[in-house]
PDB file of N, CA and C in Angstrom:
ATOM      1  N   MET A   1       1.217  12.960   7.194  1.00  0.00           N
ATOM      2  CA  MET A   1       0.434  12.512   8.336  1.00  0.00           C
ATOM      3  C   MET A   1       0.633  11.022   8.554  1.00  0.00           C
ATOM      4  N   SER A   2       0.765  10.666   9.781  1.00  0.00           N
ATOM      5  CA  SER A   2       0.890   9.242  10.073  1.00  0.00           C
ATOM      6  C   SER A   2      -0.433   8.734  10.641  1.00  0.00           C
ATOM      7  N   ARG A   3      -0.701   7.489  10.348  1.00  0.00           N
ATOM      8  CA  ARG A   3      -1.930   6.865  10.852  1.00  0.00           C
ATOM      9  C   ARG A   3      -1.697   6.402  12.282  1.00  0.00           C
ATOM     10  N   LYS A   4      -2.686   6.573  13.134  1.00  0.00           N
ATOM     11  CA  LYS A   4      -2.539   6.169  14.521  1.00  0.00           C
ATOM     12  C   LYS A   4      -3.443   5.014  14.893  1.00  0.00           C
ATOM     13  N   GLU A   5      -4.168   4.456  13.914  1.00  0.00           N
ATOM     14  CA  GLU A   5      -5.009   3.317  14.198  1.00  0.00           C
ATOM     15  C   GLU A   5      -4.139   2.119  14.543  1.00  0.00           C
ATOM     16  N   ARG A   6      -4.603   1.300  15.477  1.00  0.00           N
ATOM     17  CA  ARG A   6      -3.804   0.183  15.952  1.00  0.00           C
ATOM     18  C   ARG A   6      -3.814  -0.995  14.988  1.00  0.00           C
ATOM     19  N   TYR A   7      -4.968  -1.332  14.432  1.00  0.00           N
ATOM     20  CA  TYR A   7      -5.102  -2.523  13.598  1.00  0.00           C
ATOM     21  C   TYR A   7      -5.208  -2.155  12.121  1.00  0.00           C
ATOM     22  N   THR A   8      -4.469  -2.879  11.299  1.00  0.00           N
ATOM     23  CA  THR A   8      -4.525  -2.725   9.859  1.00  0.00           C
ATOM     24  C   THR A   8      -4.938  -4.064   9.284  1.00  0.00           C
ATOM     25  N   ILE A   9      -6.037  -4.094   8.531  1.00  0.00           N
ATOM     26  CA  ILE A   9      -6.496  -5.328   7.890  1.00  0.00           C
ATOM     27  C   ILE A   9      -5.980  -5.300   6.458  1.00  0.00           C
ATOM     28  N   LYS A  10      -5.217  -6.338   6.094  1.00  0.00           N
ATOM     29  CA  LYS A  10      -4.621  -6.416   4.763  1.00  0.00           C
ATOM     30  C   LYS A  10      -5.008  -7.725   4.087  1.00  0.00           C
ATOM     31  N   THR A  11      -4.972  -7.705   2.738  1.00  0.00           N
ATOM     32  CA  THR A  11      -5.188  -8.933   1.983  1.00  0.00           C
ATOM     33  C   THR A  11      -3.878  -9.707   1.932  1.00  0.00           C
ATOM     34  N   GLY A  12      -3.931 -10.914   1.416  1.00  0.00           N
ATOM     35  CA  GLY A  12      -2.734 -11.730   1.283  1.00  0.00           C
ATOM     36  C   GLY A  12      -1.680 -11.100   0.393  1.00  0.00           C
ATOM     37  N   LYS A  13      -2.108 -10.214  -0.521  1.00  0.00           N
ATOM     38  CA  LYS A  13      -1.174  -9.538  -1.427  1.00  0.00           C
ATOM     39  C   LYS A  13      -0.647  -8.228  -0.857  1.00  0.00           C
ATOM     40  N   GLY A  14      -1.086  -7.868   0.365  1.00  0.00           N
ATOM     41  CA  GLY A  14      -0.577  -6.661   1.007  1.00  0.00           C
ATOM     42  C   GLY A  14      -1.429  -5.423   0.816  1.00  0.00           C
ATOM     43  N   LYS A  15      -2.575  -5.531   0.132  1.00  0.00           N
ATOM     44  CA  LYS A  15      -3.448  -4.383  -0.072  1.00  0.00           C
ATOM     45  C   LYS A  15      -4.180  -4.075   1.235  1.00  0.00           C
ATOM     46  N   ILE A  16      -4.187  -2.818   1.632  1.00  0.00           N
ATOM     47  CA  ILE A  16      -4.850  -2.418   2.869  1.00  0.00           C
ATOM     48  C   ILE A  16      -6.353  -2.328   2.630  1.00  0.00           C
ATOM     49  N   ILE A  17      -7.109  -3.039   3.460  1.00  0.00           N
ATOM     50  CA  ILE A  17      -8.566  -2.994   3.378  1.00  0.00           C
ATOM     51  C   ILE A  17      -9.105  -1.887   4.271  1.00  0.00           C
ATOM     52  N   LYS A  18      -8.640  -1.848   5.527  1.00  0.00           N
ATOM     53  CA  LYS A  18      -9.144  -0.842   6.467  1.00  0.00           C
ATOM     54  C   LYS A  18      -8.183  -0.672   7.630  1.00  0.00           C
ATOM     55  N   LEU A  19      -8.162   0.537   8.192  1.00  0.00           N
ATOM     56  CA  LEU A  19      -7.421   0.856   9.405  1.00  0.00           C
ATOM     57  C   LEU A  19      -8.443   1.134  10.497  1.00  0.00           C
ATOM     58  N   THR A  20      -8.273   0.538  11.668  1.00  0.00           N
ATOM     59  CA  THR A  20      -9.237   0.713  12.747  1.00  0.00           C
ATOM     60  C   THR A  20      -8.585   0.530  14.105  1.00  0.00           C
ATOM     61  N   ASP A  21      -9.271   0.991  15.140  1.00  0.00           N
ATOM     62  CA  ASP A  21      -8.832   0.778  16.518  1.00  0.00           C
ATOM     63  C   ASP A  21      -9.671  -0.287  17.206  1.00  0.00           C
ATOM     64  N   ASP A  22     -10.753  -0.731  16.570  1.00  0.00           N
ATOM     65  CA  ASP A  22     -11.695  -1.672  17.170  1.00  0.00           C
ATOM     66  C   ASP A  22     -11.388  -3.098  16.712  1.00  0.00           C
ATOM     67  N   ILE A  23     -10.990  -3.978  17.647  1.00  0.00           N
ATOM     68  CA  ILE A  23     -10.625  -5.356  17.291  1.00  0.00           C
ATOM     69  C   ILE A  23     -11.841  -6.140  16.796  1.00  0.00           C
ATOM     70  N   LYS A  24     -13.028  -5.874  17.350  1.00  0.00           N
ATOM     71  CA  LYS A  24     -14.228  -6.588  16.887  1.00  0.00           C
ATOM     72  C   LYS A  24     -14.519  -6.269  15.431  1.00  0.00           C
ATOM     73  N   GLU A  25     -14.398  -5.004  15.065  1.00  0.00           N
ATOM     74  CA  GLU A  25     -14.597  -4.594  13.676  1.00  0.00           C
ATOM     75  C   GLU A  25     -13.529  -5.222  12.781  1.00  0.00           C
ATOM     76  N   ALA A  26     -12.286  -5.236  13.257  1.00  0.00           N
ATOM     77  CA  ALA A  26     -11.189  -5.814  12.486  1.00  0.00           C
ATOM     78  C   ALA A  26     -11.416  -7.303  12.226  1.00  0.00           C
ATOM     79  N   LEU A  27     -11.862  -8.042  13.247  1.00  0.00           N
ATOM     80  CA  LEU A  27     -12.123  -9.473  13.076  1.00  0.00           C
ATOM     81  C   LEU A  27     -13.291  -9.719  12.123  1.00  0.00           C
ATOM     82  N   THR A  28     -14.313  -8.867  12.164  1.00  0.00           N
ATOM     83  CA  THR A  28     -15.449  -8.988  11.254  1.00  0.00           C
ATOM     84  C   THR A  28     -15.007  -8.777   9.807  1.00  0.00           C
ATOM     85  N   ILE A  29     -14.203  -7.761   9.578  1.00  0.00           N
ATOM     86  CA  ILE A  29     -13.710  -7.474   8.230  1.00  0.00           C
ATOM     87  C   ILE A  29     -12.797  -8.590   7.747  1.00  0.00           C
ATOM     88  N   GLN A  30     -11.957  -9.117   8.639  1.00  0.00           N
ATOM     89  CA  GLN A  30     -11.080 -10.226   8.275  1.00  0.00           C
ATOM     90  C   GLN A  30     -11.908 -11.429   7.839  1.00  0.00           C
ATOM     91  N   GLU A  31     -12.982 -11.719   8.545  1.00  0.00           N
ATOM     92  CA  GLU A  31     -13.851 -12.848   8.212  1.00  0.00           C
ATOM     93  C   GLU A  31     -14.529 -12.628   6.857  1.00  0.00           C
ATOM     94  N   GLU A  32     -14.950 -11.399   6.573  1.00  0.00           N
ATOM     95  CA  GLU A  32     -15.600 -11.082   5.301  1.00  0.00           C
ATOM     96  C   GLU A  32     -14.641 -11.238   4.118  1.00  0.00           C
ATOM     97  N   HIS A  33     -13.368 -11.001   4.340  1.00  0.00           N
ATOM     98  CA  HIS A  33     -12.368 -11.027   3.261  1.00  0.00           C
ATOM     99  C   HIS A  33     -11.430 -12.222   3.364  1.00  0.00           C
ATOM    100  N   LYS A  34     -11.832 -13.272   4.064  1.00  0.00           N
ATOM    101  CA  LYS A  34     -10.944 -14.418   4.245  1.00  0.00           C
ATOM    102  C   LYS A  34     -10.621 -15.123   2.931  1.00  0.00           C
ATOM    103  N   HIS A  35     -11.497 -15.010   1.919  1.00  0.00           N
ATOM    104  CA  HIS A  35     -11.217 -15.619   0.616  1.00  0.00           C
ATOM    105  C   HIS A  35     -10.038 -14.933  -0.086  1.00  0.00           C
ATOM    106  N   GLU A  36      -9.690 -13.721   0.354  1.00  0.00           N
ATOM    107  CA  GLU A  36      -8.540 -12.993  -0.188  1.00  0.00           C
ATOM    108  C   GLU A  36      -7.291 -13.203   0.659  1.00  0.00           C
ATOM    109  N   GLY A  37      -7.407 -14.005   1.706  1.00  0.00           N
ATOM    110  CA  GLY A  37      -6.268 -14.240   2.595  1.00  0.00           C
ATOM    111  C   GLY A  37      -6.039 -13.102   3.565  1.00  0.00           C
ATOM    112  N   ALA A  38      -7.101 -12.430   3.981  1.00  0.00           N
ATOM    113  CA  ALA A  38      -6.990 -11.261   4.858  1.00  0.00           C
ATOM    114  C   ALA A  38      -6.387 -11.627   6.216  1.00  0.00           C
ATOM    115  N   TYR A  39      -5.590 -10.716   6.737  1.00  0.00           N
ATOM    116  CA  TYR A  39      -5.019 -10.865   8.067  1.00  0.00           C
ATOM    117  C   TYR A  39      -4.932  -9.501   8.730  1.00  0.00           C
ATOM    118  N   ILE A  40      -4.717  -9.509  10.041  1.00  0.00           N
ATOM    119  CA  ILE A  40      -4.673  -8.275  10.829  1.00  0.00           C
ATOM    120  C   ILE A  40      -3.242  -8.018  11.273  1.00  0.00           C
ATOM    121  N   GLU A  41      -2.787  -6.789  11.049  1.00  0.00           N
ATOM    122  CA  GLU A  41      -1.493  -6.366  11.579  1.00  0.00           C
ATOM    123  C   GLU A  41      -1.766  -5.498  12.796  1.00  0.00           C
ATOM    124  N   ASP A  42      -1.141  -5.824  13.904  1.00  0.00           N
ATOM    125  CA  ASP A  42      -1.303  -5.099  15.152  1.00  0.00           C
ATOM    126  C   ASP A  42      -0.026  -4.295  15.387  1.00  0.00           C
ATOM    127  N   LYS A  43      -0.149  -2.983  15.514  1.00  0.00           N
ATOM    128  CA  LYS A  43       1.039  -2.150  15.706  1.00  0.00           C
ATOM    129  C   LYS A  43       1.770  -2.460  17.008  1.00  0.00           C
ATOM    130  N   LYS A  44       1.034  -2.874  18.053  1.00  0.00           N
ATOM    131  CA  LYS A  44       1.674  -3.126  19.342  1.00  0.00           C
ATOM    132  C   LYS A  44       2.320  -4.500  19.417  1.00  0.00           C
ATOM    133  N   SER A  45       1.777  -5.479  18.710  1.00  0.00           N
ATOM    134  CA  SER A  45       2.395  -6.811  18.654  1.00  0.00           C
ATOM    135  C   SER A  45       2.262  -7.328  17.225  1.00  0.00           C
ATOM    136  N   PRO A  46       3.212  -7.017  16.364  1.00  0.00           N
ATOM    137  CA  PRO A  46       3.099  -7.238  14.921  1.00  0.00           C
ATOM    138  C   PRO A  46       2.840  -8.665  14.461  1.00  0.00           C
ATOM    139  N   ASN A  47       3.285  -9.685  15.164  1.00  0.00           N
ATOM    140  CA  ASN A  47       3.126 -11.058  14.673  1.00  0.00           C
ATOM    141  C   ASN A  47       1.948 -11.802  15.294  1.00  0.00           C
ATOM    142  N   LYS A  48       1.243 -11.189  16.200  1.00  0.00           N
ATOM    143  CA  LYS A  48       0.190 -11.867  16.958  1.00  0.00           C
ATOM    144  C   LYS A  48      -0.944 -12.384  16.082  1.00  0.00           C
ATOM    145  N   HIS A  49      -1.466 -11.609  15.162  1.00  0.00           N
ATOM    146  CA  HIS A  49      -2.666 -11.971  14.404  1.00  0.00           C
ATOM    147  C   HIS A  49      -2.365 -12.526  13.015  1.00  0.00           C
ATOM    148  N   LYS A  50      -1.115 -12.642  12.636  1.00  0.00           N
ATOM    149  CA  LYS A  50      -0.798 -13.157  11.311  1.00  0.00           C
ATOM    150  C   LYS A  50      -1.043 -14.652  11.195  1.00  0.00           C
ATOM    151  N   LYS A  51      -0.912 -15.365  12.320  1.00  0.00           N
ATOM    152  CA  LYS A  51      -1.154 -16.811  12.308  1.00  0.00           C
ATOM    153  C   LYS A  51      -2.658 -17.045  12.252  1.00  0.00           C
ATOM    154  N   PRO A  52      -3.100 -18.064  11.524  1.00  0.00           N
ATOM    155  CA  PRO A  52      -4.529 -18.344  11.469  1.00  0.00           C
ATOM    156  C   PRO A  52      -5.056 -18.749  12.838  1.00  0.00           C
ATOM    157  N   PHE A  53      -6.298 -18.375  13.129  1.00  0.00           N
ATOM    158  CA  PHE A  53      -6.896 -18.704  14.417  1.00  0.00           C
ATOM    159  C   PHE A  53      -7.249 -20.181  14.493  1.00  0.00           C
ATOM    160  N   PHE A  54      -7.579 -20.766  13.353  1.00  0.00           N
ATOM    161  CA  PHE A  54      -7.978 -22.178  13.320  1.00  0.00           C
ATOM    162  C   PHE A  54      -6.939 -22.970  12.550  1.00  0.00           C
ATOM    163  N   HIS A  55      -6.526 -24.100  13.062  1.00  0.00           N
ATOM    164  CA  HIS A  55      -5.507 -24.905  12.403  1.00  0.00           C
ATOM    165  C   HIS A  55      -6.131 -26.043  11.668  1.00  0.00           C
TER     166      HIS A  55
END
């Protein structure tokens, strides 16, 4: 079975935290796990969310 969720939240080491279709939920989870280096992978635009939002 393949996953069809659009957003994948991963830690800095590549561990998957959650798969979801809701960007608000994904951003909330990313914020909760930011100490682990969490980032969001977007299936439709893979490099969009990897860059930090704040410089």
